[in-house]
PDB file of N, CA and C in Angstrom:
ATOM      1  N   MET A   1      -3.635  -9.543   8.723  1.00  0.00           N
ATOM      2  CA  MET A   1      -3.702  -8.200   8.198  1.00  0.00           C
ATOM      3  C   MET A   1      -5.030  -8.049   7.553  1.00  0.00           C
ATOM      4  N   GLN A   2      -5.806  -7.037   8.017  1.00  0.00           N
ATOM      5  CA  GLN A   2      -7.184  -6.824   7.447  1.00  0.00           C
ATOM      6  C   GLN A   2      -7.238  -5.535   6.607  1.00  0.00           C
ATOM      7  N   THR A   3      -6.340  -4.598   6.951  1.00  0.00           N
ATOM      8  CA  THR A   3      -6.402  -3.318   6.215  1.00  0.00           C
ATOM      9  C   THR A   3      -5.027  -2.880   5.868  1.00  0.00           C
ATOM     10  N   LEU A   4      -4.934  -1.817   5.116  1.00  0.00           N
ATOM     11  CA  LEU A   4      -3.667  -1.253   4.742  1.00  0.00           C
ATOM     12  C   LEU A   4      -3.006  -0.471   5.939  1.00  0.00           C
ATOM     13  N   ASP A   5      -3.841  -0.209   6.943  1.00  0.00           N
ATOM     14  CA  ASP A   5      -3.329   0.571   8.071  1.00  0.00           C
ATOM     15  C   ASP A   5      -2.140  -0.151   8.729  1.00  0.00           C
ATOM     16  N   GLU A   6      -2.276  -1.471   9.000  1.00  0.00           N
ATOM     17  CA  GLU A   6      -1.239  -2.179   9.610  1.00  0.00           C
ATOM     18  C   GLU A   6       0.110  -2.041   8.964  1.00  0.00           C
ATOM     19  N   PRO A   7       0.314  -2.447   7.698  1.00  0.00           N
ATOM     20  CA  PRO A   7       1.634  -2.300   7.072  1.00  0.00           C
ATOM     21  C   PRO A   7       2.131  -0.891   6.945  1.00  0.00           C
ATOM     22  N   ILE A   8       1.243   0.051   6.519  1.00  0.00           N
ATOM     23  CA  ILE A   8       1.670   1.383   6.289  1.00  0.00           C
ATOM     24  C   ILE A   8       2.025   2.101   7.611  1.00  0.00           C
ATOM     25  N   LYS A   9       1.198   2.029   8.569  1.00  0.00           N
ATOM     26  CA  LYS A   9       1.424   2.656   9.793  1.00  0.00           C
ATOM     27  C   LYS A   9       2.550   1.931  10.634  1.00  0.00           C
ATOM     28  N   GLY A  10       2.629   0.651  10.393  1.00  0.00           N
ATOM     29  CA  GLY A  10       3.736  -0.140  11.062  1.00  0.00           C
ATOM     30  C   GLY A  10       5.145   0.269  10.536  1.00  0.00           C
ATOM     31  N   ILE A  11       5.183   0.659   9.272  1.00  0.00           N
ATOM     32  CA  ILE A  11       6.486   1.068   8.699  1.00  0.00           C
ATOM     33  C   ILE A  11       6.642   2.581   8.932  1.00  0.00           C
ATOM     34  N   GLY A  12       5.561   3.336   8.762  1.00  0.00           N
ATOM     35  CA  GLY A  12       5.596   4.747   8.900  1.00  0.00           C
ATOM     36  C   GLY A  12       5.233   5.405   7.603  1.00  0.00           C
ATOM     37  N   ILE A  13       4.305   6.388   7.653  1.00  0.00           N
ATOM     38  CA  ILE A  13       3.785   7.068   6.466  1.00  0.00           C
ATOM     39  C   ILE A  13       4.957   7.758   5.701  1.00  0.00           C
ATOM     40  N   PRO A  14       5.775   8.476   6.404  1.00  0.00           N
ATOM     41  CA  PRO A  14       6.895   9.179   5.673  1.00  0.00           C
ATOM     42  C   PRO A  14       7.822   8.195   4.938  1.00  0.00           C
ATOM     43  N   GLU A  15       8.114   7.098   5.559  1.00  0.00           N
ATOM     44  CA  GLU A  15       8.972   6.057   4.959  1.00  0.00           C
ATOM     45  C   GLU A  15       8.339   5.418   3.750  1.00  0.00           C
ATOM     46  N   VAL A  16       7.037   5.140   3.842  1.00  0.00           N
ATOM     47  CA  VAL A  16       6.281   4.478   2.724  1.00  0.00           C
ATOM     48  C   VAL A  16       6.283   5.557   1.559  1.00  0.00           C
ATOM     49  N   ALA A  17       5.963   6.747   1.899  1.00  0.00           N
ATOM     50  CA  ALA A  17       5.896   7.772   0.813  1.00  0.00           C
ATOM     51  C   ALA A  17       7.211   7.934   0.127  1.00  0.00           C
ATOM     52  N   LYS A  18       8.330   7.946   0.917  1.00  0.00           N
ATOM     53  CA  LYS A  18       9.666   8.125   0.259  1.00  0.00           C
ATOM     54  C   LYS A  18       9.970   6.936  -0.635  1.00  0.00           C
ATOM     55  N   ALA A  19       9.738   5.732  -0.094  1.00  0.00           N
ATOM     56  CA  ALA A  19      10.106   4.512  -0.794  1.00  0.00           C
ATOM     57  C   ALA A  19       9.323   4.385  -2.095  1.00  0.00           C
ATOM     58  N   CYS A  20       8.041   4.845  -2.085  1.00  0.00           N
ATOM     59  CA  CYS A  20       7.167   4.715  -3.301  1.00  0.00           C
ATOM     60  C   CYS A  20       7.258   6.013  -4.198  1.00  0.00           C
ATOM     61  N   GLY A  21       7.984   6.944  -3.738  1.00  0.00           N
ATOM     62  CA  GLY A  21       8.157   8.191  -4.649  1.00  0.00           C
ATOM     63  C   GLY A  21       6.902   8.991  -4.744  1.00  0.00           C
ATOM     64  N   VAL A  22       6.109   8.963  -3.612  1.00  0.00           N
ATOM     65  CA  VAL A  22       4.851   9.818  -3.635  1.00  0.00           C
ATOM     66  C   VAL A  22       4.826  10.701  -2.393  1.00  0.00           C
ATOM     67  N   SER A  23       3.830  11.558  -2.356  1.00  0.00           N
ATOM     68  CA  SER A  23       3.697  12.474  -1.261  1.00  0.00           C
ATOM     69  C   SER A  23       3.067  11.723  -0.045  1.00  0.00           C
ATOM     70  N   GLU A  24       3.263  12.243   1.121  1.00  0.00           N
ATOM     71  CA  GLU A  24       2.621  11.668   2.322  1.00  0.00           C
ATOM     72  C   GLU A  24       1.064  11.828   2.153  1.00  0.00           C
ATOM     73  N   ARG A  25       0.684  12.875   1.550  1.00  0.00           N
ATOM     74  CA  ARG A  25      -0.747  13.095   1.248  1.00  0.00           C
ATOM     75  C   ARG A  25      -1.378  11.897   0.401  1.00  0.00           C
ATOM     76  N   ALA A  26      -0.615  11.481  -0.572  1.00  0.00           N
ATOM     77  CA  ALA A  26      -1.038  10.365  -1.366  1.00  0.00           C
ATOM     78  C   ALA A  26      -1.215   9.141  -0.517  1.00  0.00           C
ATOM     79  N   VAL A  27      -0.246   8.849   0.404  1.00  0.00           N
ATOM     80  CA  VAL A  27      -0.342   7.668   1.232  1.00  0.00           C
ATOM     81  C   VAL A  27      -1.482   7.760   2.163  1.00  0.00           C
ATOM     82  N   TYR A  28      -1.812   8.990   2.675  1.00  0.00           N
ATOM     83  CA  TYR A  28      -3.001   9.179   3.505  1.00  0.00           C
ATOM     84  C   TYR A  28      -4.284   8.870   2.681  1.00  0.00           C
ATOM     85  N   LYS A  29      -4.287   9.227   1.390  1.00  0.00           N
ATOM     86  CA  LYS A  29      -5.391   8.876   0.600  1.00  0.00           C
ATOM     87  C   LYS A  29      -5.620   7.371   0.445  1.00  0.00           C
ATOM     88  N   TRP A  30      -4.495   6.653   0.288  1.00  0.00           N
ATOM     89  CA  TRP A  30      -4.599   5.187   0.239  1.00  0.00           C
ATOM     90  C   TRP A  30      -5.233   4.639   1.525  1.00  0.00           C
ATOM     91  N   LEU A  31      -4.776   5.259   2.644  1.00  0.00           N
ATOM     92  CA  LEU A  31      -5.396   4.781   3.899  1.00  0.00           C
ATOM     93  C   LEU A  31      -6.861   5.056   3.940  1.00  0.00           C
ATOM     94  N   LYS A  32      -7.229   6.277   3.614  1.00  0.00           N
ATOM     95  CA  LYS A  32      -8.634   6.696   3.609  1.00  0.00           C
ATOM     96  C   LYS A  32      -9.509   5.776   2.699  1.00  0.00           C
ATOM     97  N   ASN A  33      -9.034   5.536   1.488  1.00  0.00           N
ATOM     98  CA  ASN A  33      -9.737   4.693   0.518  1.00  0.00           C
ATOM     99  C   ASN A  33      -9.745   3.295   0.907  1.00  0.00           C
ATOM    100  N   GLY A  34      -8.666   2.805   1.529  1.00  0.00           N
ATOM    101  CA  GLY A  34      -8.550   1.422   1.902  1.00  0.00           C
ATOM    102  C   GLY A  34      -7.920   0.520   0.836  1.00  0.00           C
ATOM    103  N   PHE A  35      -7.406   1.207  -0.229  1.00  0.00           N
ATOM    104  CA  PHE A  35      -6.773   0.460  -1.277  1.00  0.00           C
ATOM    105  C   PHE A  35      -5.655   1.281  -1.969  1.00  0.00           C
ATOM    106  N   LEU A  36      -4.719   0.640  -2.605  1.00  0.00           N
ATOM    107  CA  LEU A  36      -3.681   1.268  -3.397  1.00  0.00           C
ATOM    108  C   LEU A  36      -4.334   1.837  -4.645  1.00  0.00           C
ATOM    109  N   PRO A  37      -3.589   2.711  -5.421  1.00  0.00           N
ATOM    110  CA  PRO A  37      -4.132   3.243  -6.631  1.00  0.00           C
ATOM    111  C   PRO A  37      -4.401   2.137  -7.653  1.00  0.00           C
ATOM    112  N   LYS A  38      -5.301   2.344  -8.527  1.00  0.00           N
ATOM    113  CA  LYS A  38      -5.702   1.370  -9.569  1.00  0.00           C
ATOM    114  C   LYS A  38      -4.541   1.011 -10.494  1.00  0.00           C
ATOM    115  N   THR A  39      -3.550   1.916 -10.582  1.00  0.00           N
ATOM    116  CA  THR A  39      -2.368   1.707 -11.405  1.00  0.00           C
ATOM    117  C   THR A  39      -1.607   0.508 -10.955  1.00  0.00           C
ATOM    118  N   GLU A  40      -1.807   0.183  -9.625  1.00  0.00           N
ATOM    119  CA  GLU A  40      -1.075  -0.982  -9.085  1.00  0.00           C
ATOM    120  C   GLU A  40      -1.581  -2.315  -9.698  1.00  0.00           C
ATOM    121  N   PHE A  41      -2.811  -2.318 -10.122  1.00  0.00           N
ATOM    122  CA  PHE A  41      -3.447  -3.511 -10.641  1.00  0.00           C
ATOM    123  C   PHE A  41      -3.143  -3.725 -12.115  1.00  0.00           C
ATOM    124  N   PHE A  42      -2.670  -2.629 -12.752  1.00  0.00           N
ATOM    125  CA  PHE A  42      -2.371  -2.718 -14.196  1.00  0.00           C
ATOM    126  C   PHE A  42      -0.926  -2.768 -14.460  1.00  0.00           C
ATOM    127  N   GLY A  43      -0.138  -2.976 -13.380  1.00  0.00           N
ATOM    128  CA  GLY A  43       1.331  -3.127 -13.504  1.00  0.00           C
ATOM    129  C   GLY A  43       2.128  -1.808 -13.771  1.00  0.00           C
ATOM    130  N   LYS A  44       1.447  -0.663 -13.649  1.00  0.00           N
ATOM    131  CA  LYS A  44       2.141   0.633 -13.914  1.00  0.00           C
ATOM    132  C   LYS A  44       2.911   1.053 -12.702  1.00  0.00           C
ATOM    133  N   THR A  45       2.570   0.611 -11.527  1.00  0.00           N
ATOM    134  CA  THR A  45       3.286   0.924 -10.322  1.00  0.00           C
ATOM    135  C   THR A  45       3.519  -0.363  -9.482  1.00  0.00           C
ATOM    136  N   LYS A  46       4.507  -0.236  -8.570  1.00  0.00           N
ATOM    137  CA  LYS A  46       4.863  -1.427  -7.827  1.00  0.00           C
ATOM    138  C   LYS A  46       4.921  -1.059  -6.297  1.00  0.00           C
ATOM    139  N   TYR A  47       3.935  -0.321  -5.847  1.00  0.00           N
ATOM    140  CA  TYR A  47       3.899   0.153  -4.452  1.00  0.00           C
ATOM    141  C   TYR A  47       3.926  -0.982  -3.419  1.00  0.00           C
ATOM    142  N   ALA A  48       3.121  -2.023  -3.770  1.00  0.00           N
ATOM    143  CA  ALA A  48       2.993  -3.166  -2.814  1.00  0.00           C
ATOM    144  C   ALA A  48       4.410  -3.843  -2.643  1.00  0.00           C
ATOM    145  N   GLN A  49       5.120  -3.950  -3.794  1.00  0.00           N
ATOM    146  CA  GLN A  49       6.421  -4.563  -3.694  1.00  0.00           C
ATOM    147  C   GLN A  49       7.431  -3.651  -2.889  1.00  0.00           C
ATOM    148  N   GLN A  50       7.262  -2.329  -3.065  1.00  0.00           N
ATOM    149  CA  GLN A  50       8.132  -1.419  -2.318  1.00  0.00           C
ATOM    150  C   GLN A  50       7.858  -1.554  -0.855  1.00  0.00           C
ATOM    151  N   ILE A  51       6.561  -1.667  -0.506  1.00  0.00           N
ATOM    152  CA  ILE A  51       6.214  -1.738   0.955  1.00  0.00           C
ATOM    153  C   ILE A  51       6.778  -3.095   1.512  1.00  0.00           C
ATOM    154  N   GLU A  52       6.644  -4.168   0.772  1.00  0.00           N
ATOM    155  CA  GLU A  52       7.178  -5.450   1.152  1.00  0.00           C
ATOM    156  C   GLU A  52       8.702  -5.284   1.389  1.00  0.00           C
ATOM    157  N   SER A  53       9.394  -4.643   0.464  1.00  0.00           N
ATOM    158  CA  SER A  53      10.835  -4.520   0.539  1.00  0.00           C
ATOM    159  C   SER A  53      11.283  -3.686   1.714  1.00  0.00           C
ATOM    160  N   ILE A  54      10.603  -2.542   1.982  1.00  0.00           N
ATOM    161  CA  ILE A  54      11.022  -1.744   3.128  1.00  0.00           C
ATOM    162  C   ILE A  54      10.593  -2.317   4.531  1.00  0.00           C
ATOM    163  N   SER A  55       9.675  -3.245   4.488  1.00  0.00           N
ATOM    164  CA  SER A  55       9.257  -3.936   5.699  1.00  0.00           C
ATOM    165  C   SER A  55      10.131  -5.126   5.970  1.00  0.00           C
ATOM    166  N   GLY A  56      11.100  -5.407   5.115  1.00  0.00           N
ATOM    167  CA  GLY A  56      11.919  -6.540   5.287  1.00  0.00           C
ATOM    168  C   GLY A  56      11.216  -7.891   5.091  1.00  0.00           C
ATOM    169  N   GLY A  57      10.110  -7.825   4.325  1.00  0.00           N
ATOM    170  CA  GLY A  57       9.352  -9.048   4.135  1.00  0.00           C
ATOM    171  C   GLY A  57       8.291  -9.301   5.214  1.00  0.00           C
ATOM    172  N   LYS A  58       8.162  -8.453   6.122  1.00  0.00           N
ATOM    173  CA  LYS A  58       7.145  -8.612   7.198  1.00  0.00           C
ATOM    174  C   LYS A  58       5.764  -8.590   6.601  1.00  0.00           C
ATOM    175  N   TYR A  59       5.531  -7.747   5.682  1.00  0.00           N
ATOM    176  CA  TYR A  59       4.206  -7.615   4.969  1.00  0.00           C
ATOM    177  C   TYR A  59       4.454  -8.046   3.555  1.00  0.00           C
ATOM    178  N   SER A  60       3.684  -8.984   3.005  1.00  0.00           N
ATOM    179  CA  SER A  60       3.872  -9.476   1.674  1.00  0.00           C
ATOM    180  C   SER A  60       3.119  -8.628   0.669  1.00  0.00           C
ATOM    181  N   ALA A  61       3.693  -8.443  -0.488  1.00  0.00           N
ATOM    182  CA  ALA A  61       3.078  -7.642  -1.574  1.00  0.00           C
ATOM    183  C   ALA A  61       1.759  -8.340  -1.986  1.00  0.00           C
ATOM    184  N   SER A  62       1.747  -9.628  -2.015  1.00  0.00           N
ATOM    185  CA  SER A  62       0.453 -10.334  -2.434  1.00  0.00           C
ATOM    186  C   SER A  62      -0.676 -10.053  -1.455  1.00  0.00           C
ATOM    187  N   GLU A  63      -0.399 -10.054  -0.197  1.00  0.00           N
ATOM    188  CA  GLU A  63      -1.374  -9.796   0.858  1.00  0.00           C
ATOM    189  C   GLU A  63      -1.897  -8.347   0.711  1.00  0.00           C
ATOM    190  N   ILE A  64      -0.951  -7.404   0.500  1.00  0.00           N
ATOM    191  CA  ILE A  64      -1.325  -5.958   0.375  1.00  0.00           C
ATOM    192  C   ILE A  64      -2.196  -5.819  -0.834  1.00  0.00           C
ATOM    193  N   LEU A  65      -1.838  -6.474  -1.949  1.00  0.00           N
ATOM    194  CA  LEU A  65      -2.705  -6.371  -3.097  1.00  0.00           C
ATOM    195  C   LEU A  65      -4.064  -7.048  -2.954  1.00  0.00           C
ATOM    196  N   ASP A  66      -4.136  -8.160  -2.255  1.00  0.00           N
ATOM    197  CA  ASP A  66      -5.438  -8.760  -1.969  1.00  0.00           C
ATOM    198  C   ASP A  66      -6.313  -7.887  -1.184  1.00  0.00           C
ATOM    199  N   ILE A  67      -5.791  -7.262  -0.115  1.00  0.00           N
ATOM    200  CA  ILE A  67      -6.571  -6.335   0.704  1.00  0.00           C
ATOM    201  C   ILE A  67      -7.025  -5.170  -0.188  1.00  0.00           C
ATOM    202  N   SER A  68      -6.175  -4.647  -0.962  1.00  0.00           N
ATOM    203  CA  SER A  68      -6.548  -3.514  -1.875  1.00  0.00           C
ATOM    204  C   SER A  68      -7.640  -3.918  -2.814  1.00  0.00           C
ATOM    205  N   LYS A  69      -7.470  -5.068  -3.382  1.00  0.00           N
ATOM    206  CA  LYS A  69      -8.464  -5.564  -4.391  1.00  0.00           C
ATOM    207  C   LYS A  69      -9.840  -5.717  -3.761  1.00  0.00           C
ATOM    208  N   GLN A  70      -9.896  -6.362  -2.570  1.00  0.00           N
ATOM    209  CA  GLN A  70     -11.139  -6.570  -1.876  1.00  0.00           C
ATOM    210  C   GLN A  70     -11.813  -5.264  -1.604  1.00  0.00           C
ATOM    211  N   ASN A  71     -11.060  -4.316  -1.029  1.00  0.00           N
ATOM    212  CA  ASN A  71     -11.601  -3.002  -0.717  1.00  0.00           C
ATOM    213  C   ASN A  71     -12.038  -2.170  -1.895  1.00  0.00           C
ATOM    214  N   LEU A  72     -11.275  -2.315  -3.021  1.00  0.00           N
ATOM    215  CA  LEU A  72     -11.625  -1.566  -4.272  1.00  0.00           C
ATOM    216  C   LEU A  72     -12.988  -2.186  -4.837  1.00  0.00           C
ATOM    217  N   LEU A  73     -13.074  -3.484  -4.828  1.00  0.00           N
ATOM    218  CA  LEU A  73     -14.283  -4.103  -5.350  1.00  0.00           C
ATOM    219  C   LEU A  73     -15.520  -3.767  -4.478  1.00  0.00           C
ATOM    220  N   ALA A  74     -15.288  -3.604  -3.155  1.00  0.00           N
ATOM    221  CA  ALA A  74     -16.421  -3.296  -2.263  1.00  0.00           C
ATOM    222  C   ALA A  74     -16.818  -1.891  -2.300  1.00  0.00           C
ATOM    223  N   ALA A  75     -15.958  -1.018  -2.815  1.00  0.00           N
ATOM    224  CA  ALA A  75     -16.233   0.418  -2.865  1.00  0.00           C
ATOM    225  C   ALA A  75     -17.367   0.796  -3.837  1.00  0.00           C
TER     226      ALA A  75
END
């Protein structure tokens, strides 16, 4: 897994948005930016864990966070 596209699009944008309690527009923003919101790194949100949960463990939260962190630091 190299980008957030694989887990999010693999599950489905509407499903991810619903599970995370955000709008589909917010999820599209994550995809455009290449990383989850900064609140994820301060423990205020648990989107990566939600994505792992709804994927049935196919995508790990730690991998999603690593990709997000790399892309955030590169931005």
